[in-house]
Amino acid sequence: MRICRVVGKALATVKHASLVGTKLLVLRDLDASARLSGPLFLAIDAVGAGEGETVAVCMGAAAARSLAIDNAPLDAVVVAIIDSVVVDGKETYSREEEGK
């Protein structure tokens, strides 16, 4: 899994039949200091995440299994909205602090 930030959403009016009814989010990875890192990528939203939220993303074959959709052409699914992250005993991200 990866820790990412939702930086936007994507609208696709035409998509694979197995993805009809799903929401596409635009994400970027977060580094150990909770700074945006790397390129943009798309993920299916399974938890109702919104722009600006920090999320856990399941990748690869595990992503497809997380939605239990047979033969779905996907490789990234948002599976959790993160409340806090602690690295080496130091809180690097807190949802509560971000809102202040």
C-alpha atoms as a PDB file:
ATOM      1  CA  MET A   1       0.000   0.000   0.000  1.00  0.00           C
ATOM      2  CA  ARG A   2       0.967   3.618  -0.505  1.00  0.00           C
ATOM      3  CA  ILE A   3       0.169   6.819   1.378  1.00  0.00           C
ATOM      4  CA  CYS A   4      -1.155   9.454  -0.996  1.00  0.00           C
ATOM      5  CA  ARG A   5      -2.991  12.768  -1.132  1.00  0.00           C
ATOM      6  CA  VAL A   6      -6.111  13.258  -3.223  1.00  0.00           C
ATOM      7  CA  VAL A   7      -5.291  16.219  -5.465  1.00  0.00           C
ATOM      8  CA  GLY A   8      -8.288  16.072  -7.778  1.00  0.00           C
ATOM      9  CA  LYS A   9     -10.867  13.936  -9.517  1.00  0.00           C
ATOM     10  CA  ALA A  10     -11.310  12.645 -13.048  1.00  0.00           C
ATOM     11  CA  LEU A  11     -14.572  12.303 -14.919  1.00  0.00           C
ATOM     12  CA  ALA A  12     -14.956   9.525 -17.483  1.00  0.00           C
ATOM     13  CA  THR A  13     -18.358   9.250 -19.118  1.00  0.00           C
ATOM     14  CA  VAL A  14     -17.195   6.254 -21.144  1.00  0.00           C
ATOM     15  CA  LYS A  15     -15.364   3.494 -19.278  1.00  0.00           C
ATOM     16  CA  HIS A  16     -15.040  -0.279 -18.988  1.00  0.00           C
ATOM     17  CA  ALA A  17     -18.342  -1.873 -17.956  1.00  0.00           C
ATOM     18  CA  SER A  18     -16.852  -3.170 -14.692  1.00  0.00           C
ATOM     19  CA  LEU A  19     -16.041   0.401 -13.624  1.00  0.00           C
ATOM     20  CA  VAL A  20     -19.467   1.948 -14.235  1.00  0.00           C
ATOM     21  CA  GLY A  21     -20.602   3.674 -11.052  1.00  0.00           C
ATOM     22  CA  THR A  22     -17.091   4.118  -9.652  1.00  0.00           C
ATOM     23  CA  LYS A  23     -15.434   7.449  -8.829  1.00  0.00           C
ATOM     24  CA  LEU A  24     -11.945   8.209 -10.162  1.00  0.00           C
ATOM     25  CA  LEU A  25      -9.566  10.234  -7.989  1.00  0.00           C
ATOM     26  CA  VAL A  26      -6.302  11.920  -9.005  1.00  0.00           C
ATOM     27  CA  LEU A  27      -3.552  11.146  -6.477  1.00  0.00           C
ATOM     28  CA  ARG A  28       0.088  11.862  -5.672  1.00  0.00           C
ATOM     29  CA  ASP A  29       2.318   9.944  -3.293  1.00  0.00           C
ATOM     30  CA  LEU A  30       3.417  11.501  -0.010  1.00  0.00           C
ATOM     31  CA  ASP A  31       7.018  11.218   1.186  1.00  0.00           C
ATOM     32  CA  ALA A  32       8.069  10.506   4.799  1.00  0.00           C
ATOM     33  CA  SER A  33       7.582  14.192   5.665  1.00  0.00           C
ATOM     34  CA  ALA A  34       4.043  14.237   4.193  1.00  0.00           C
ATOM     35  CA  ARG A  35       5.144  16.285   1.157  1.00  0.00           C
ATOM     36  CA  LEU A  36       3.756  15.572  -2.311  1.00  0.00           C
ATOM     37  CA  SER A  37       6.091  13.430  -4.368  1.00  0.00           C
ATOM     38  CA  GLY A  38       6.076  11.757  -7.767  1.00  0.00           C
ATOM     39  CA  PRO A  39       3.702  11.871 -10.719  1.00  0.00           C
ATOM     40  CA  LEU A  40      -0.078  12.035 -10.723  1.00  0.00           C
ATOM     41  CA  PHE A  41      -2.009   8.770 -11.029  1.00  0.00           C
ATOM     42  CA  LEU A  42      -5.627   7.618 -10.978  1.00  0.00           C
ATOM     43  CA  ALA A  43      -7.333   5.348  -8.459  1.00  0.00           C
ATOM     44  CA  ILE A  44     -10.838   4.077  -7.908  1.00  0.00           C
ATOM     45  CA  ASP A  45     -12.395   5.453  -4.702  1.00  0.00           C
ATOM     46  CA  ALA A  46     -13.816   2.739  -2.426  1.00  0.00           C
ATOM     47  CA  VAL A  47     -14.276   4.853   0.726  1.00  0.00           C
ATOM     48  CA  GLY A  48     -15.728   8.240  -0.240  1.00  0.00           C
ATOM     49  CA  ALA A  49     -12.478  10.216  -0.096  1.00  0.00           C
ATOM     50  CA  GLY A  50     -12.349  13.820  -1.237  1.00  0.00           C
ATOM     51  CA  GLU A  51      -9.850  16.348  -2.486  1.00  0.00           C
ATOM     52  CA  GLY A  52      -7.129  17.206   0.029  1.00  0.00           C
ATOM     53  CA  GLU A  53      -7.516  14.021   2.069  1.00  0.00           C
ATOM     54  CA  THR A  54      -4.631  11.700   2.894  1.00  0.00           C
ATOM     55  CA  VAL A  55      -5.448   8.137   1.903  1.00  0.00           C
ATOM     56  CA  ALA A  56      -4.117   4.578   1.802  1.00  0.00           C
ATOM     57  CA  VAL A  57      -3.981   3.128  -1.695  1.00  0.00           C
ATOM     58  CA  CYS A  58      -3.885  -0.568  -2.526  1.00  0.00           C
ATOM     59  CA  MET A  59      -1.960  -1.312  -5.722  1.00  0.00           C
ATOM     60  CA  GLY A  60      -1.748  -4.105  -8.295  1.00  0.00           C
ATOM     61  CA  ALA A  61      -3.663  -7.365  -8.081  1.00  0.00           C
ATOM     62  CA  ALA A  62      -4.630  -6.602  -4.471  1.00  0.00           C
ATOM     63  CA  ALA A  63      -6.452  -3.480  -5.707  1.00  0.00           C
ATOM     64  CA  ALA A  64      -8.716  -5.490  -7.968  1.00  0.00           C
ATOM     65  CA  ARG A  65      -9.388  -8.005  -5.182  1.00  0.00           C
ATOM     66  CA  SER A  66     -10.281  -5.210  -2.749  1.00  0.00           C
ATOM     67  CA  LEU A  67     -13.344  -4.326  -4.826  1.00  0.00           C
ATOM     68  CA  ALA A  68     -14.279  -7.935  -5.642  1.00  0.00           C
ATOM     69  CA  ILE A  69     -14.980  -6.983  -9.260  1.00  0.00           C
ATOM     70  CA  ASP A  70     -14.039  -9.806 -11.609  1.00  0.00           C
ATOM     71  CA  ASN A  71     -11.781  -8.855 -14.528  1.00  0.00           C
ATOM     72  CA  ALA A  72     -11.745  -5.145 -13.628  1.00  0.00           C
ATOM     73  CA  PRO A  73      -8.946  -3.275 -15.441  1.00  0.00           C
ATOM     74  CA  LEU A  74      -7.609  -1.392 -12.425  1.00  0.00           C
ATOM     75  CA  ASP A  75      -4.392  -1.238 -10.459  1.00  0.00           C
ATOM     76  CA  ALA A  76      -5.075   1.351  -7.725  1.00  0.00           C
ATOM     77  CA  VAL A  77      -7.919   1.609  -5.202  1.00  0.00           C
ATOM     78  CA  VAL A  78      -8.308   4.055  -2.302  1.00  0.00           C
ATOM     79  CA  VAL A  79      -9.085   1.761   0.650  1.00  0.00           C
ATOM     80  CA  ALA A  80      -8.799   4.101   3.684  1.00  0.00           C
ATOM     81  CA  ILE A  81      -8.832   7.751   4.739  1.00  0.00           C
ATOM     82  CA  ILE A  82      -5.883   8.259   7.074  1.00  0.00           C
ATOM     83  CA  ASP A  83      -6.264  10.060  10.409  1.00  0.00           C
ATOM     84  CA  SER A  84      -2.582  10.150  11.375  1.00  0.00           C
ATOM     85  CA  VAL A  85       0.849   8.841  10.395  1.00  0.00           C
ATOM     86  CA  VAL A  86       3.699   8.205  12.818  1.00  0.00           C
ATOM     87  CA  VAL A  87       7.218   7.545  11.471  1.00  0.00           C
ATOM     88  CA  ASP A  88      10.104   6.739  13.825  1.00  0.00           C
ATOM     89  CA  GLY A  89       8.004   7.842  16.802  1.00  0.00           C
ATOM     90  CA  LYS A  90       7.207  11.252  15.275  1.00  0.00           C
ATOM     91  CA  GLU A  91       3.782  12.192  13.971  1.00  0.00           C
ATOM     92  CA  THR A  92       4.339  13.301  10.375  1.00  0.00           C
ATOM     93  CA  TYR A  93       0.663  13.782   9.511  1.00  0.00           C
ATOM     94  CA  SER A  94      -2.475  14.462  11.540  1.00  0.00           C
ATOM     95  CA  ARG A  95      -5.878  15.001   9.983  1.00  0.00           C
ATOM     96  CA  GLU A  96      -6.856  17.099  13.038  1.00  0.00           C
ATOM     97  CA  GLU A  97      -3.822  19.390  12.729  1.00  0.00           C
ATOM     98  CA  GLU A  98      -4.318  19.835   9.000  1.00  0.00           C
ATOM     99  CA  GLY A  99      -7.749  21.375   9.568  1.00  0.00           C
ATOM    100  CA  LYS A 100      -6.428  24.102  11.869  1.00  0.00           C
END
